Structures are given as structure tokens and as C-alpha cells.
Amino acid sequence: SFPLLLGGGHDIAYGHYMGLRSYVDPEESIGIINLDAHFDLRSTVQGPNSGTPFYQIARQLEEQNQPFHYFCLGIREEANSAELFDTAGKLGVNYVMNSDFHIGNTITLKKDLEEFLEQVDRIYLTIDLDGFSSAYSPGVSAASPFGFSPDIAIWTLEEVIHSGKLMSLDLAECNPRFDRDGRTAKLAAGLLHHVLRHPELI
């Protein structure tokens, strides 16, 4: 079976990853690919929340002397503090800025993805809907017109699925209270439908 989880806040990612980690053989590595405007690497000093899940995962893996394989696509400079970029650097996070995450740059993106995929045995893919432009995804808590478009997200999905390493996926941050004409819900449904079209996953 192929787990598909729906958020809610992106804090879903910590529990999702830890569940996958407990299921997979300890010798196998899990890489996280996150389509998101934010690193979500904030400290847990004030408690865990939707901005801390990957920091929590990194610290948990550090305690277990395990590597942290994390690749973010769609990072927006104005949506992340200098401290978060510093944290990402210290943790060895791979990332692509939003300005480079578009369908006209797939040659470079394919190379970057393949390099990351080669490092790991399995992939957990997580999609934060606030990474998309608000033209497509207004129903999120941190909407921005400067996000990425669905075409590059679909392209990335296809690349990861075709690697044969995708083991689970979640969608986070859809908030019906902020949605307009059901655009965000339709985007989420379309992404899920695209995944479910692949019988090898189900």
C-alpha cells in the first residue's frame, strides 16, 4: 500500500516521517523532498509547530547518528530568515530557490534531483500548498503571488515516481477558510489524482 496523508499544518511531516522511519529497515536511508516556500527548520524552543518539523527530524536523526537527507524545492528568500538559511547550511540541506524552480529550468533541476535520489534508498515527498502562487493556491495561511506553478510540481512528481523510490506522500496547509472558488482544494485534488494514476504505487 502507498500512504497518502492530508494536512492540516505541515507539522504532519514529523509524525509522517517517524512512522516511515519505524517501518523501514534501519539500514535503508529515507530522503525527504519538500515542495515548499519555507524550510520549516525553526527551533522548537517555543514548542513544535508547522514551522519546526524538519528541524525536529534533523535533531532526532542526529541523536541516532543517522544522516539527514533533505531537499527543498521552491524556497523563497523573503519567506525565510537569514537564521533559517544558516540552519539549512549547517544541516547540509539541499535546496532550490523559487526563482529557479520553473518548467524552463528542468535540465538543471533533473540533474539536482538525480544527484539527491542517488544518495538515498527511499523517498518521502511532502508538498506544502503555500509554495504555489496564490493564483493557484489562495487557501493557505501564507499565500503569496510569487510562488511556483502546478506544471513544475507535476514535473517533479513524475521524476520522483519514475525513480522507483517514492514510498509515501503528503499534502499540507490547505485551509478552506481562506480558499477562493475551491481553487486550492482543486489543486490538491489534482495533485493526488496525478499520483493515483500510477498503479505501480497503489
C-alpha atoms as a PDB file:
ATOM      1  CA  SER A   1       0.000   0.000   0.000  1.00  0.00           C
ATOM      2  CA  PHE A   2       1.052   3.605  -0.612  1.00  0.00           C
ATOM      3  CA  PRO A   3       0.337   6.059   2.235  1.00  0.00           C
ATOM      4  CA  LEU A   4      -1.193   9.412   1.248  1.00  0.00           C
ATOM      5  CA  LEU A   5      -1.607  11.847   4.139  1.00  0.00           C
ATOM      6  CA  LEU A   6      -3.545  15.111   4.121  1.00  0.00           C
ATOM      7  CA  GLY A   7      -2.900  18.106   6.384  1.00  0.00           C
ATOM      8  CA  GLY A   8      -3.626  20.271   8.201  1.00  0.00           C
ATOM      9  CA  GLY A   9      -0.491  22.090   9.149  1.00  0.00           C
ATOM     10  CA  HIS A  10       2.919  20.987   7.927  1.00  0.00           C
ATOM     11  CA  ASP A  11       3.596  19.665  11.416  1.00  0.00           C
ATOM     12  CA  ILE A  12       2.108  16.481   9.929  1.00  0.00           C
ATOM     13  CA  ALA A  13       5.573  15.882   8.438  1.00  0.00           C
ATOM     14  CA  TYR A  14       7.293  14.939  11.704  1.00  0.00           C
ATOM     15  CA  GLY A  15       4.874  12.160  12.602  1.00  0.00           C
ATOM     16  CA  HIS A  16       4.710  11.024   8.994  1.00  0.00           C
ATOM     17  CA  TYR A  17       8.478  10.713   8.698  1.00  0.00           C
ATOM     18  CA  MET A  18       8.904   8.979  12.060  1.00  0.00           C
ATOM     19  CA  GLY A  19       6.237   6.452  11.082  1.00  0.00           C
ATOM     20  CA  LEU A  20       8.083   5.733   7.845  1.00  0.00           C
ATOM     21  CA  ARG A  21      11.380   5.510   9.693  1.00  0.00           C
ATOM     22  CA  SER A  22       9.993   2.926  12.124  1.00  0.00           C
ATOM     23  CA  TYR A  23       8.700   0.860   9.191  1.00  0.00           C
ATOM     24  CA  VAL A  24      11.816   0.894   7.009  1.00  0.00           C
ATOM     25  CA  ASP A  25      14.854  -1.260   7.707  1.00  0.00           C
ATOM     26  CA  PRO A  26      17.391   0.733   9.796  1.00  0.00           C
ATOM     27  CA  GLU A  27      19.995   0.183   7.093  1.00  0.00           C
ATOM     28  CA  GLU A  28      17.857   1.935   4.480  1.00  0.00           C
ATOM     29  CA  SER A  29      18.026   5.703   4.106  1.00  0.00           C
ATOM     30  CA  ILE A  30      14.996   7.928   3.575  1.00  0.00           C
ATOM     31  CA  GLY A  31      15.329  11.179   1.681  1.00  0.00           C
ATOM     32  CA  ILE A  32      12.819  13.974   2.172  1.00  0.00           C
ATOM     33  CA  ILE A  33      11.799  16.079  -0.820  1.00  0.00           C
ATOM     34  CA  ASN A  34       9.761  19.120   0.167  1.00  0.00           C
ATOM     35  CA  LEU A  35       7.984  21.384  -2.327  1.00  0.00           C
ATOM     36  CA  ASP A  36       7.634  24.486  -0.194  1.00  0.00           C
ATOM     37  CA  ALA A  37       8.344  28.195   0.118  1.00  0.00           C
ATOM     38  CA  HIS A  38       9.725  27.605   3.625  1.00  0.00           C
ATOM     39  CA  PHE A  39      12.467  25.434   5.100  1.00  0.00           C
ATOM     40  CA  ASP A  40      10.346  24.643   8.190  1.00  0.00           C
ATOM     41  CA  LEU A  41      13.566  24.371  10.192  1.00  0.00           C
ATOM     42  CA  ARG A  42      12.633  26.666  13.040  1.00  0.00           C
ATOM     43  CA  SER A  43      13.790  25.795  16.537  1.00  0.00           C
ATOM     44  CA  THR A  44      11.392  24.076  18.924  1.00  0.00           C
ATOM     45  CA  VAL A  45      12.255  26.463  21.794  1.00  0.00           C
ATOM     46  CA  GLN A  46       8.633  27.627  21.867  1.00  0.00           C
ATOM     47  CA  GLY A  47       7.282  24.170  21.143  1.00  0.00           C
ATOM     48  CA  PRO A  48       6.702  22.206  17.939  1.00  0.00           C
ATOM     49  CA  ASN A  49       4.520  23.719  15.234  1.00  0.00           C
ATOM     50  CA  SER A  50       4.105  23.782  11.458  1.00  0.00           C
ATOM     51  CA  GLY A  51       7.426  25.608  11.093  1.00  0.00           C
ATOM     52  CA  THR A  52       9.540  23.074  13.014  1.00  0.00           C
ATOM     53  CA  PRO A  53       9.001  19.537  11.612  1.00  0.00           C
ATOM     54  CA  PHE A  54      12.221  19.158   9.641  1.00  0.00           C
ATOM     55  CA  TYR A  55      14.288  20.621  12.468  1.00  0.00           C
ATOM     56  CA  GLN A  56      12.710  18.001  14.729  1.00  0.00           C
ATOM     57  CA  ILE A  57      13.549  15.259  12.236  1.00  0.00           C
ATOM     58  CA  ALA A  58      17.138  16.510  11.880  1.00  0.00           C
ATOM     59  CA  ARG A  59      17.657  16.508  15.652  1.00  0.00           C
ATOM     60  CA  GLN A  60      16.100  13.057  16.035  1.00  0.00           C
ATOM     61  CA  LEU A  61      18.407  11.657  13.362  1.00  0.00           C
ATOM     62  CA  GLU A  62      21.396  13.394  14.927  1.00  0.00           C
ATOM     63  CA  GLU A  63      20.664  11.643  18.233  1.00  0.00           C
ATOM     64  CA  GLN A  64      20.620   8.334  16.350  1.00  0.00           C
ATOM     65  CA  ASN A  65      23.822   9.130  14.412  1.00  0.00           C
ATOM     66  CA  GLN A  66      21.860   8.965  11.161  1.00  0.00           C
ATOM     67  CA  PRO A  67      22.288  11.314   8.164  1.00  0.00           C
ATOM     68  CA  PHE A  68      19.664  13.952   7.391  1.00  0.00           C
ATOM     69  CA  HIS A  69      18.752  13.879   3.684  1.00  0.00           C
ATOM     70  CA  TYR A  70      16.546  16.879   2.943  1.00  0.00           C
ATOM     71  CA  PHE A  71      15.908  18.622  -0.383  1.00  0.00           C
ATOM     72  CA  CYS A  72      13.656  21.710  -0.598  1.00  0.00           C
ATOM     73  CA  LEU A  73      12.295  23.000  -3.900  1.00  0.00           C
ATOM     74  CA  GLY A  74      10.712  26.429  -4.243  1.00  0.00           C
ATOM     75  CA  ILE A  75      12.357  28.271  -1.347  1.00  0.00           C
ATOM     76  CA  ARG A  76      11.521  31.985  -1.291  1.00  0.00           C
ATOM     77  CA  GLU A  77      14.160  34.303   0.122  1.00  0.00           C
ATOM     78  CA  GLU A  78      11.646  36.723   1.629  1.00  0.00           C
ATOM     79  CA  ALA A  79       9.815  33.863   3.374  1.00  0.00           C
ATOM     80  CA  ASN A  80      12.852  32.615   5.329  1.00  0.00           C
ATOM     81  CA  SER A  81      15.060  34.485   7.764  1.00  0.00           C
ATOM     82  CA  ALA A  82      18.848  34.658   7.489  1.00  0.00           C
ATOM     83  CA  GLU A  83      18.947  32.410  10.551  1.00  0.00           C
ATOM     84  CA  LEU A  84      16.958  29.739   8.713  1.00  0.00           C
ATOM     85  CA  PHE A  85      19.317  29.859   5.733  1.00  0.00           C
ATOM     86  CA  ASP A  86      22.176  29.478   8.213  1.00  0.00           C
ATOM     87  CA  THR A  87      20.468  26.498   9.857  1.00  0.00           C
ATOM     88  CA  ALA A  88      19.899  24.913   6.448  1.00  0.00           C
ATOM     89  CA  GLY A  89      23.585  25.326   5.654  1.00  0.00           C
ATOM     90  CA  LYS A  90      24.691  23.788   8.942  1.00  0.00           C
ATOM     91  CA  LEU A  91      22.381  20.807   8.442  1.00  0.00           C
ATOM     92  CA  GLY A  92      23.579  20.223   4.877  1.00  0.00           C
ATOM     93  CA  VAL A  93      20.172  20.881   3.343  1.00  0.00           C
ATOM     94  CA  ASN A  94      19.917  20.865  -0.448  1.00  0.00           C
ATOM     95  CA  TYR A  95      17.579  23.496  -1.825  1.00  0.00           C
ATOM     96  CA  VAL A  96      16.441  25.251  -4.990  1.00  0.00           C
ATOM     97  CA  MET A  97      15.268  28.839  -4.835  1.00  0.00           C
ATOM     98  CA  ASN A  98      11.828  29.620  -6.173  1.00  0.00           C
ATOM     99  CA  SER A  99      13.357  31.764  -8.948  1.00  0.00           C
ATOM    100  CA  ASP A 100      14.989  28.588 -10.328  1.00  0.00           C
ATOM    101  CA  PHE A 101      12.046  26.253  -9.736  1.00  0.00           C
ATOM    102  CA  HIS A 102      10.182  26.544 -13.019  1.00  0.00           C
ATOM    103  CA  ILE A 103       9.471  24.461 -16.102  1.00  0.00           C
ATOM    104  CA  GLY A 104      12.096  26.305 -18.157  1.00  0.00           C
ATOM    105  CA  ASN A 105      14.879  25.014 -15.903  1.00  0.00           C
ATOM    106  CA  THR A 106      14.227  21.273 -15.947  1.00  0.00           C
ATOM    107  CA  ILE A 107      17.656  20.300 -17.302  1.00  0.00           C
ATOM    108  CA  THR A 108      19.371  21.676 -14.205  1.00  0.00           C
ATOM    109  CA  LEU A 109      16.579  20.534 -11.896  1.00  0.00           C
ATOM    110  CA  LYS A 110      16.745  16.987 -13.273  1.00  0.00           C
ATOM    111  CA  LYS A 111      20.478  16.854 -12.544  1.00  0.00           C
ATOM    112  CA  ASP A 112      19.958  18.149  -8.994  1.00  0.00           C
ATOM    113  CA  LEU A 113      17.133  15.685  -8.346  1.00  0.00           C
ATOM    114  CA  GLU A 114      19.083  12.732  -9.702  1.00  0.00           C
ATOM    115  CA  GLU A 115      22.073  13.583  -7.507  1.00  0.00           C
ATOM    116  CA  PHE A 116      19.829  13.657  -4.441  1.00  0.00           C
ATOM    117  CA  LEU A 117      17.966  10.482  -5.394  1.00  0.00           C
ATOM    118  CA  GLU A 118      21.244   8.607  -5.796  1.00  0.00           C
ATOM    119  CA  GLN A 119      22.088   9.290  -2.140  1.00  0.00           C
ATOM    120  CA  VAL A 120      19.036   7.547  -0.665  1.00  0.00           C
ATOM    121  CA  ASP A 121      17.101   4.282  -0.797  1.00  0.00           C
ATOM    122  CA  ARG A 122      13.577   5.661  -0.315  1.00  0.00           C
ATOM    123  CA  ILE A 123      11.798   8.986  -0.793  1.00  0.00           C
ATOM    124  CA  TYR A 124       9.183  10.705   1.310  1.00  0.00           C
ATOM    125  CA  LEU A 125       7.644  13.525  -0.752  1.00  0.00           C
ATOM    126  CA  THR A 126       5.823  16.342   1.007  1.00  0.00           C
ATOM    127  CA  ILE A 127       4.014  19.218  -0.695  1.00  0.00           C
ATOM    128  CA  ASP A 128       3.156  22.405   1.150  1.00  0.00           C
ATOM    129  CA  LEU A 129       0.425  24.175  -0.764  1.00  0.00           C
ATOM    130  CA  ASP A 130       1.687  27.599   0.336  1.00  0.00           C
ATOM    131  CA  GLY A 131       4.617  27.101  -2.028  1.00  0.00           C
ATOM    132  CA  PHE A 132       2.340  27.602  -5.020  1.00  0.00           C
ATOM    133  CA  SER A 133       1.443  31.030  -6.343  1.00  0.00           C
ATOM    134  CA  SER A 134      -1.735  32.375  -4.776  1.00  0.00           C
ATOM    135  CA  ALA A 135      -3.192  32.419  -8.291  1.00  0.00           C
ATOM    136  CA  TYR A 136      -3.458  28.632  -7.905  1.00  0.00           C
ATOM    137  CA  SER A 137      -3.436  28.232  -4.126  1.00  0.00           C
ATOM    138  CA  PRO A 138      -5.072  31.108  -2.222  1.00  0.00           C
ATOM    139  CA  GLY A 139      -6.406  28.878   0.554  1.00  0.00           C
ATOM    140  CA  VAL A 140      -3.290  28.783   2.720  1.00  0.00           C
ATOM    141  CA  SER A 141      -2.112  30.731   5.751  1.00  0.00           C
ATOM    142  CA  ALA A 142       0.905  32.276   3.980  1.00  0.00           C
ATOM    143  CA  ALA A 143      -0.322  32.933   0.435  1.00  0.00           C
ATOM    144  CA  SER A 144       1.987  34.741  -1.994  1.00  0.00           C
ATOM    145  CA  PRO A 145       1.725  35.669  -5.680  1.00  0.00           C
ATOM    146  CA  PHE A 146       5.402  34.787  -6.069  1.00  0.00           C
ATOM    147  CA  GLY A 147       5.076  31.021  -5.615  1.00  0.00           C
ATOM    148  CA  PHE A 148       5.683  28.276  -8.161  1.00  0.00           C
ATOM    149  CA  SER A 149       3.165  26.868 -10.642  1.00  0.00           C
ATOM    150  CA  PRO A 150       1.486  23.443 -10.856  1.00  0.00           C
ATOM    151  CA  ASP A 151       3.372  22.429 -14.007  1.00  0.00           C
ATOM    152  CA  ILE A 152       6.735  22.249 -12.241  1.00  0.00           C
ATOM    153  CA  ALA A 153       5.184  20.407  -9.293  1.00  0.00           C
ATOM    154  CA  ILE A 154       3.723  17.803 -11.667  1.00  0.00           C
ATOM    155  CA  TRP A 155       7.071  17.504 -13.441  1.00  0.00           C
ATOM    156  CA  THR A 156       8.785  16.895 -10.085  1.00  0.00           C
ATOM    157  CA  LEU A 157       6.167  14.322  -9.088  1.00  0.00           C
ATOM    158  CA  GLU A 158       6.798  12.428 -12.317  1.00  0.00           C
ATOM    159  CA  GLU A 159      10.567  12.465 -11.844  1.00  0.00           C
ATOM    160  CA  VAL A 160      10.309  11.144  -8.292  1.00  0.00           C
ATOM    161  CA  ILE A 161       7.716   8.492  -9.183  1.00  0.00           C
ATOM    162  CA  HIS A 162       9.813   7.254 -12.106  1.00  0.00           C
ATOM    163  CA  SER A 163      12.821   6.853  -9.790  1.00  0.00           C
ATOM    164  CA  GLY A 164      11.008   3.904  -8.196  1.00  0.00           C
ATOM    165  CA  LYS A 165      11.932   5.178  -4.722  1.00  0.00           C
ATOM    166  CA  LEU A 166       8.789   7.056  -3.693  1.00  0.00           C
ATOM    167  CA  MET A 167       7.264   5.389  -0.629  1.00  0.00           C
ATOM    168  CA  SER A 168       4.825   7.985   0.694  1.00  0.00           C
ATOM    169  CA  LEU A 169       3.413  11.462   0.099  1.00  0.00           C
ATOM    170  CA  ASP A 170       1.549  14.124   1.998  1.00  0.00           C
ATOM    171  CA  LEU A 171      -0.136  17.427   1.159  1.00  0.00           C
ATOM    172  CA  ALA A 172      -0.205  20.141   3.804  1.00  0.00           C
ATOM    173  CA  GLU A 173      -1.573  23.586   4.638  1.00  0.00           C
ATOM    174  CA  CYS A 174      -4.878  23.612   2.741  1.00  0.00           C
ATOM    175  CA  ASN A 175      -7.206  25.924   4.685  1.00  0.00           C
ATOM    176  CA  PRO A 176     -10.771  26.017   3.287  1.00  0.00           C
ATOM    177  CA  ARG A 177     -11.477  29.180   5.292  1.00  0.00           C
ATOM    178  CA  PHE A 178      -9.105  31.143   3.038  1.00  0.00           C
ATOM    179  CA  ASP A 179      -9.858  29.362  -0.239  1.00  0.00           C
ATOM    180  CA  ARG A 180     -11.459  31.089  -3.226  1.00  0.00           C
ATOM    181  CA  ASP A 181     -13.738  29.219  -5.615  1.00  0.00           C
ATOM    182  CA  GLY A 182     -12.256  25.976  -4.307  1.00  0.00           C
ATOM    183  CA  ARG A 183      -9.009  26.630  -6.188  1.00  0.00           C
ATOM    184  CA  THR A 184      -6.697  25.268  -3.506  1.00  0.00           C
ATOM    185  CA  ALA A 185      -8.846  22.200  -2.891  1.00  0.00           C
ATOM    186  CA  LYS A 186      -8.952  21.532  -6.646  1.00  0.00           C
ATOM    187  CA  LEU A 187      -5.179  21.899  -6.872  1.00  0.00           C
ATOM    188  CA  ALA A 188      -4.701  19.412  -4.023  1.00  0.00           C
ATOM    189  CA  ALA A 189      -7.195  17.001  -5.587  1.00  0.00           C
ATOM    190  CA  GLY A 190      -5.472  17.295  -8.954  1.00  0.00           C
ATOM    191  CA  LEU A 191      -2.077  16.501  -7.450  1.00  0.00           C
ATOM    192  CA  LEU A 192      -3.489  13.468  -5.647  1.00  0.00           C
ATOM    193  CA  HIS A 193      -5.220  12.298  -8.814  1.00  0.00           C
ATOM    194  CA  HIS A 194      -1.942  12.562 -10.675  1.00  0.00           C
ATOM    195  CA  VAL A 195      -0.294  10.274  -8.122  1.00  0.00           C
ATOM    196  CA  LEU A 196      -3.178   7.789  -8.105  1.00  0.00           C
ATOM    197  CA  ARG A 197      -2.907   7.458 -11.892  1.00  0.00           C
ATOM    198  CA  HIS A 198       0.247   5.415 -11.284  1.00  0.00           C
ATOM    199  CA  PRO A 199      -0.873   1.847 -10.491  1.00  0.00           C
ATOM    200  CA  GLU A 200       2.667   0.850  -9.501  1.00  0.00           C
ATOM    201  CA  LEU A 201       2.287   2.973  -6.359  1.00  0.00           C
ATOM    202  CA  ILE A 202      -1.044   1.625  -5.177  1.00  0.00           C
END
